[in-house]
Amino acid sequence: MPLKSGILQDVEKYLADNPDVDLTIEEWNCAVQVMTFRWQYLQNCTVPGATRYDLYGKPAGTVKKAHATYAQLVLDARKKASEKKQLKRKG
């Protein structure tokens, strides 16, 4: 499920408001990078108008056409790189 645009600011505010939370912004960024790099996440982002979600899992905007196009370009590039790698292995 696509994350809300600008969610980093929400996380920063949440962490500032909840100092007892055992999570740094660096750790959060690392986790989000892992999640958003996944094929399925990007696939979900290729649909213009798909719902984006906030920290609490509530709808918070939609995927814009430009973002959907970018996600598709990333997926296409990965697929092409993967195919090229497989061809090299077959040799």
N, C-alpha and C. Protein backbone atom coordinates (compact mmCIF):
# COMPACT_ATOMS: atom_id res chain seq x y z
N MET A 1 0.83 -1.17 0.00
CA MET A 1 0.00 0.00 0.00
C MET A 1 0.88 1.24 0.00
N PRO A 2 0.67 2.13 -0.93
CA PRO A 2 1.50 3.33 -1.05
C PRO A 2 1.41 4.22 0.19
N LEU A 3 2.55 4.73 0.59
CA LEU A 3 2.59 5.64 1.73
C LEU A 3 2.20 7.04 1.30
N LYS A 4 1.68 7.77 2.25
CA LYS A 4 1.31 9.17 2.06
C LYS A 4 2.52 9.97 1.60
N SER A 5 2.33 10.86 0.65
CA SER A 5 3.39 11.79 0.27
C SER A 5 3.67 12.69 1.47
N GLY A 6 4.93 12.89 1.78
CA GLY A 6 5.29 13.73 2.92
C GLY A 6 5.22 13.02 4.26
N ILE A 7 5.19 11.70 4.25
CA ILE A 7 5.04 10.95 5.50
C ILE A 7 6.24 11.15 6.43
N LEU A 8 7.40 11.48 5.88
CA LEU A 8 8.57 11.70 6.72
C LEU A 8 8.32 12.79 7.76
N GLN A 9 7.67 13.87 7.35
CA GLN A 9 7.36 14.95 8.30
C GLN A 9 6.43 14.45 9.40
N ASP A 10 5.49 13.59 9.04
CA ASP A 10 4.58 13.01 10.05
C ASP A 10 5.36 12.16 11.05
N VAL A 11 6.31 11.39 10.54
CA VAL A 11 7.11 10.53 11.41
C VAL A 11 7.98 11.37 12.33
N GLU A 12 8.60 12.40 11.77
CA GLU A 12 9.43 13.28 12.60
C GLU A 12 8.61 13.91 13.72
N LYS A 13 7.41 14.36 13.40
CA LYS A 13 6.53 14.95 14.42
C LYS A 13 6.13 13.90 15.44
N TYR A 14 5.78 12.71 14.98
CA TYR A 14 5.38 11.64 15.89
C TYR A 14 6.51 11.31 16.86
N LEU A 15 7.72 11.17 16.33
CA LEU A 15 8.86 10.85 17.19
C LEU A 15 9.16 11.98 18.18
N ALA A 16 9.02 13.22 17.73
CA ALA A 16 9.24 14.36 18.63
C ALA A 16 8.18 14.40 19.73
N ASP A 17 6.94 14.06 19.38
CA ASP A 17 5.84 14.07 20.35
C ASP A 17 5.85 12.85 21.27
N ASN A 18 6.59 11.82 20.89
CA ASN A 18 6.62 10.56 21.64
C ASN A 18 8.07 10.13 21.89
N PRO A 19 8.78 10.87 22.74
CA PRO A 19 10.20 10.58 22.95
C PRO A 19 10.47 9.20 23.56
N ASP A 20 9.44 8.57 24.12
CA ASP A 20 9.62 7.25 24.71
C ASP A 20 9.66 6.14 23.65
N VAL A 21 9.33 6.47 22.41
CA VAL A 21 9.37 5.48 21.32
C VAL A 21 10.83 5.15 21.03
N ASP A 22 11.14 3.88 21.01
CA ASP A 22 12.51 3.42 20.80
C ASP A 22 12.79 3.24 19.31
N LEU A 23 12.81 4.37 18.59
CA LEU A 23 13.04 4.35 17.15
C LEU A 23 13.64 5.69 16.75
N THR A 24 14.72 5.64 15.99
CA THR A 24 15.31 6.88 15.49
C THR A 24 14.80 7.13 14.08
N ILE A 25 14.93 8.35 13.62
CA ILE A 25 14.50 8.67 12.26
C ILE A 25 15.37 7.90 11.26
N GLU A 26 16.62 7.66 11.59
CA GLU A 26 17.50 6.90 10.71
C GLU A 26 17.01 5.45 10.58
N GLU A 27 16.59 4.86 11.70
CA GLU A 27 16.07 3.49 11.66
C GLU A 27 14.78 3.44 10.85
N TRP A 28 13.93 4.45 11.03
CA TRP A 28 12.68 4.49 10.28
C TRP A 28 12.98 4.62 8.78
N ASN A 29 13.91 5.50 8.43
CA ASN A 29 14.27 5.67 7.02
C ASN A 29 14.79 4.37 6.42
N CYS A 30 15.59 3.65 7.17
CA CYS A 30 16.12 2.37 6.70
C CYS A 30 14.99 1.38 6.43
N ALA A 31 14.06 1.29 7.36
CA ALA A 31 12.92 0.38 7.20
C ALA A 31 12.07 0.76 5.99
N VAL A 32 11.84 2.04 5.81
CA VAL A 32 11.02 2.50 4.68
C VAL A 32 11.73 2.24 3.36
N GLN A 33 13.04 2.42 3.33
CA GLN A 33 13.78 2.14 2.10
C GLN A 33 13.65 0.67 1.71
N VAL A 34 13.73 -0.21 2.69
CA VAL A 34 13.57 -1.64 2.41
C VAL A 34 12.17 -1.90 1.86
N MET A 35 11.17 -1.33 2.51
CA MET A 35 9.78 -1.57 2.10
C MET A 35 9.49 -1.00 0.71
N THR A 36 9.91 0.24 0.47
CA THR A 36 9.56 0.89 -0.80
C THR A 36 10.40 0.38 -1.97
N PHE A 37 11.46 -0.36 -1.69
CA PHE A 37 12.27 -0.96 -2.75
C PHE A 37 11.65 -2.25 -3.27
N ARG A 38 10.74 -2.79 -2.50
CA ARG A 38 10.12 -4.07 -2.88
C ARG A 38 9.28 -3.94 -4.15
N TRP A 39 9.32 -5.00 -4.95
CA TRP A 39 8.59 -5.04 -6.21
C TRP A 39 7.10 -4.76 -5.99
N GLN A 40 6.50 -5.42 -5.00
CA GLN A 40 5.06 -5.29 -4.76
C GLN A 40 4.68 -3.85 -4.39
N TYR A 41 5.51 -3.19 -3.59
CA TYR A 41 5.22 -1.80 -3.23
C TYR A 41 5.19 -0.94 -4.48
N LEU A 42 6.22 -1.07 -5.30
CA LEU A 42 6.27 -0.27 -6.53
C LEU A 42 5.12 -0.61 -7.46
N GLN A 43 4.77 -1.88 -7.54
CA GLN A 43 3.64 -2.30 -8.37
C GLN A 43 2.36 -1.59 -7.92
N ASN A 44 2.16 -1.51 -6.61
CA ASN A 44 0.98 -0.82 -6.08
C ASN A 44 1.00 0.67 -6.39
N CYS A 45 2.19 1.22 -6.59
CA CYS A 45 2.33 2.65 -6.87
C CYS A 45 2.17 2.99 -8.35
N THR A 46 2.02 1.98 -9.21
CA THR A 46 1.89 2.24 -10.65
C THR A 46 0.48 2.60 -11.07
N VAL A 47 -0.44 2.59 -10.13
CA VAL A 47 -1.84 2.84 -10.46
C VAL A 47 -2.22 4.27 -10.08
N PRO A 48 -2.37 5.16 -11.08
CA PRO A 48 -2.80 6.52 -10.74
C PRO A 48 -4.14 6.48 -10.01
N GLY A 49 -4.24 7.24 -8.95
CA GLY A 49 -5.48 7.27 -8.18
C GLY A 49 -5.54 6.25 -7.06
N ALA A 50 -4.54 5.35 -6.99
CA ALA A 50 -4.51 4.38 -5.89
C ALA A 50 -4.39 5.14 -4.57
N THR A 51 -5.00 4.60 -3.55
CA THR A 51 -5.00 5.26 -2.24
C THR A 51 -3.63 5.17 -1.58
N ARG A 52 -3.21 6.29 -1.01
CA ARG A 52 -2.01 6.34 -0.17
C ARG A 52 -2.47 6.30 1.28
N TYR A 53 -1.59 5.85 2.17
CA TYR A 53 -1.97 5.69 3.58
C TYR A 53 -0.99 6.39 4.51
N ASP A 54 -1.54 6.87 5.63
CA ASP A 54 -0.73 7.56 6.62
C ASP A 54 -0.15 6.59 7.65
N LEU A 55 0.43 7.12 8.70
CA LEU A 55 1.05 6.29 9.74
C LEU A 55 0.08 5.37 10.45
N TYR A 56 -1.18 5.74 10.43
CA TYR A 56 -2.20 4.98 11.16
C TYR A 56 -3.02 4.07 10.26
N GLY A 57 -2.60 3.97 8.99
CA GLY A 57 -3.30 3.10 8.05
C GLY A 57 -4.57 3.71 7.48
N LYS A 58 -4.72 5.02 7.65
CA LYS A 58 -5.91 5.70 7.13
C LYS A 58 -5.60 6.31 5.76
N PRO A 59 -6.59 6.35 4.87
CA PRO A 59 -6.38 6.96 3.56
C PRO A 59 -5.86 8.39 3.69
N ALA A 60 -4.86 8.71 2.87
CA ALA A 60 -4.24 10.04 2.94
C ALA A 60 -3.74 10.46 1.56
N GLY A 61 -4.66 10.64 0.65
CA GLY A 61 -4.29 11.06 -0.69
C GLY A 61 -4.25 9.90 -1.66
N THR A 62 -3.84 10.21 -2.86
CA THR A 62 -3.79 9.21 -3.93
C THR A 62 -2.46 9.31 -4.68
N VAL A 63 -2.16 8.26 -5.40
CA VAL A 63 -0.96 8.23 -6.24
C VAL A 63 -1.23 9.12 -7.46
N LYS A 64 -0.37 10.09 -7.66
CA LYS A 64 -0.49 10.99 -8.82
C LYS A 64 0.08 10.30 -10.06
N LYS A 65 -0.36 10.76 -11.21
CA LYS A 65 0.06 10.14 -12.47
C LYS A 65 1.58 10.15 -12.63
N ALA A 66 2.22 11.25 -12.28
CA ALA A 66 3.69 11.34 -12.41
C ALA A 66 4.38 10.31 -11.52
N HIS A 67 3.87 10.10 -10.31
CA HIS A 67 4.46 9.11 -9.41
C HIS A 67 4.24 7.70 -9.94
N ALA A 68 3.06 7.45 -10.50
CA ALA A 68 2.77 6.14 -11.07
C ALA A 68 3.69 5.85 -12.26
N THR A 69 3.90 6.85 -13.08
CA THR A 69 4.79 6.70 -14.24
C THR A 69 6.21 6.40 -13.78
N TYR A 70 6.67 7.11 -12.76
CA TYR A 70 8.02 6.88 -12.23
C TYR A 70 8.15 5.46 -11.68
N ALA A 71 7.16 5.02 -10.91
CA ALA A 71 7.20 3.67 -10.35
C ALA A 71 7.28 2.63 -11.48
N GLN A 72 6.54 2.84 -12.55
CA GLN A 72 6.58 1.90 -13.67
C GLN A 72 7.94 1.92 -14.35
N LEU A 73 8.55 3.09 -14.48
CA LEU A 73 9.89 3.18 -15.07
C LEU A 73 10.91 2.42 -14.23
N VAL A 74 10.81 2.53 -12.92
CA VAL A 74 11.72 1.80 -12.03
C VAL A 74 11.53 0.30 -12.21
N LEU A 75 10.28 -0.14 -12.24
CA LEU A 75 10.01 -1.58 -12.42
C LEU A 75 10.52 -2.07 -13.77
N ASP A 76 10.29 -1.29 -14.81
CA ASP A 76 10.75 -1.69 -16.15
C ASP A 76 12.28 -1.79 -16.19
N ALA A 77 12.96 -0.84 -15.56
CA ALA A 77 14.42 -0.87 -15.54
C ALA A 77 14.93 -2.08 -14.77
N ARG A 78 14.28 -2.41 -13.67
CA ARG A 78 14.68 -3.58 -12.89
C ARG A 78 14.47 -4.87 -13.68
N LYS A 79 13.34 -4.93 -14.38
CA LYS A 79 13.04 -6.13 -15.17
C LYS A 79 14.09 -6.30 -16.28
N LYS A 80 14.42 -5.20 -16.93
CA LYS A 80 15.41 -5.25 -18.00
C LYS A 80 16.77 -5.68 -17.44
N ALA A 81 17.16 -5.13 -16.30
CA ALA A 81 18.44 -5.50 -15.67
C ALA A 81 18.45 -6.97 -15.28
N SER A 82 17.33 -7.45 -14.78
CA SER A 82 17.23 -8.85 -14.37
C SER A 82 17.34 -9.77 -15.59
N GLU A 83 16.67 -9.41 -16.67
CA GLU A 83 16.74 -10.21 -17.89
C GLU A 83 18.16 -10.23 -18.45
N LYS A 84 18.82 -9.09 -18.40
CA LYS A 84 20.20 -9.00 -18.88
C LYS A 84 21.12 -9.88 -18.04
N LYS A 85 20.91 -9.87 -16.75
CA LYS A 85 21.71 -10.69 -15.83
C LYS A 85 21.50 -12.18 -16.12
N GLN A 86 20.24 -12.56 -16.39
CA GLN A 86 19.94 -13.96 -16.69
C GLN A 86 20.60 -14.40 -18.00
N LEU A 87 20.61 -13.51 -18.98
CA LEU A 87 21.26 -13.83 -20.26
C LEU A 87 22.76 -14.05 -20.07
N LYS A 88 23.38 -13.24 -19.22
CA LYS A 88 24.81 -13.40 -18.96
C LYS A 88 25.09 -14.74 -18.29
N ARG A 89 24.20 -15.15 -17.40
CA ARG A 89 24.38 -16.43 -16.71
C ARG A 89 24.30 -17.61 -17.68
N LYS A 90 23.39 -17.48 -18.65
CA LYS A 90 23.22 -18.56 -19.63
C LYS A 90 24.40 -18.59 -20.60
N GLY A 91 25.03 -17.44 -20.72
CA GLY A 91 26.20 -17.25 -21.43
C GLY A 91 26.53 -17.51 -22.76
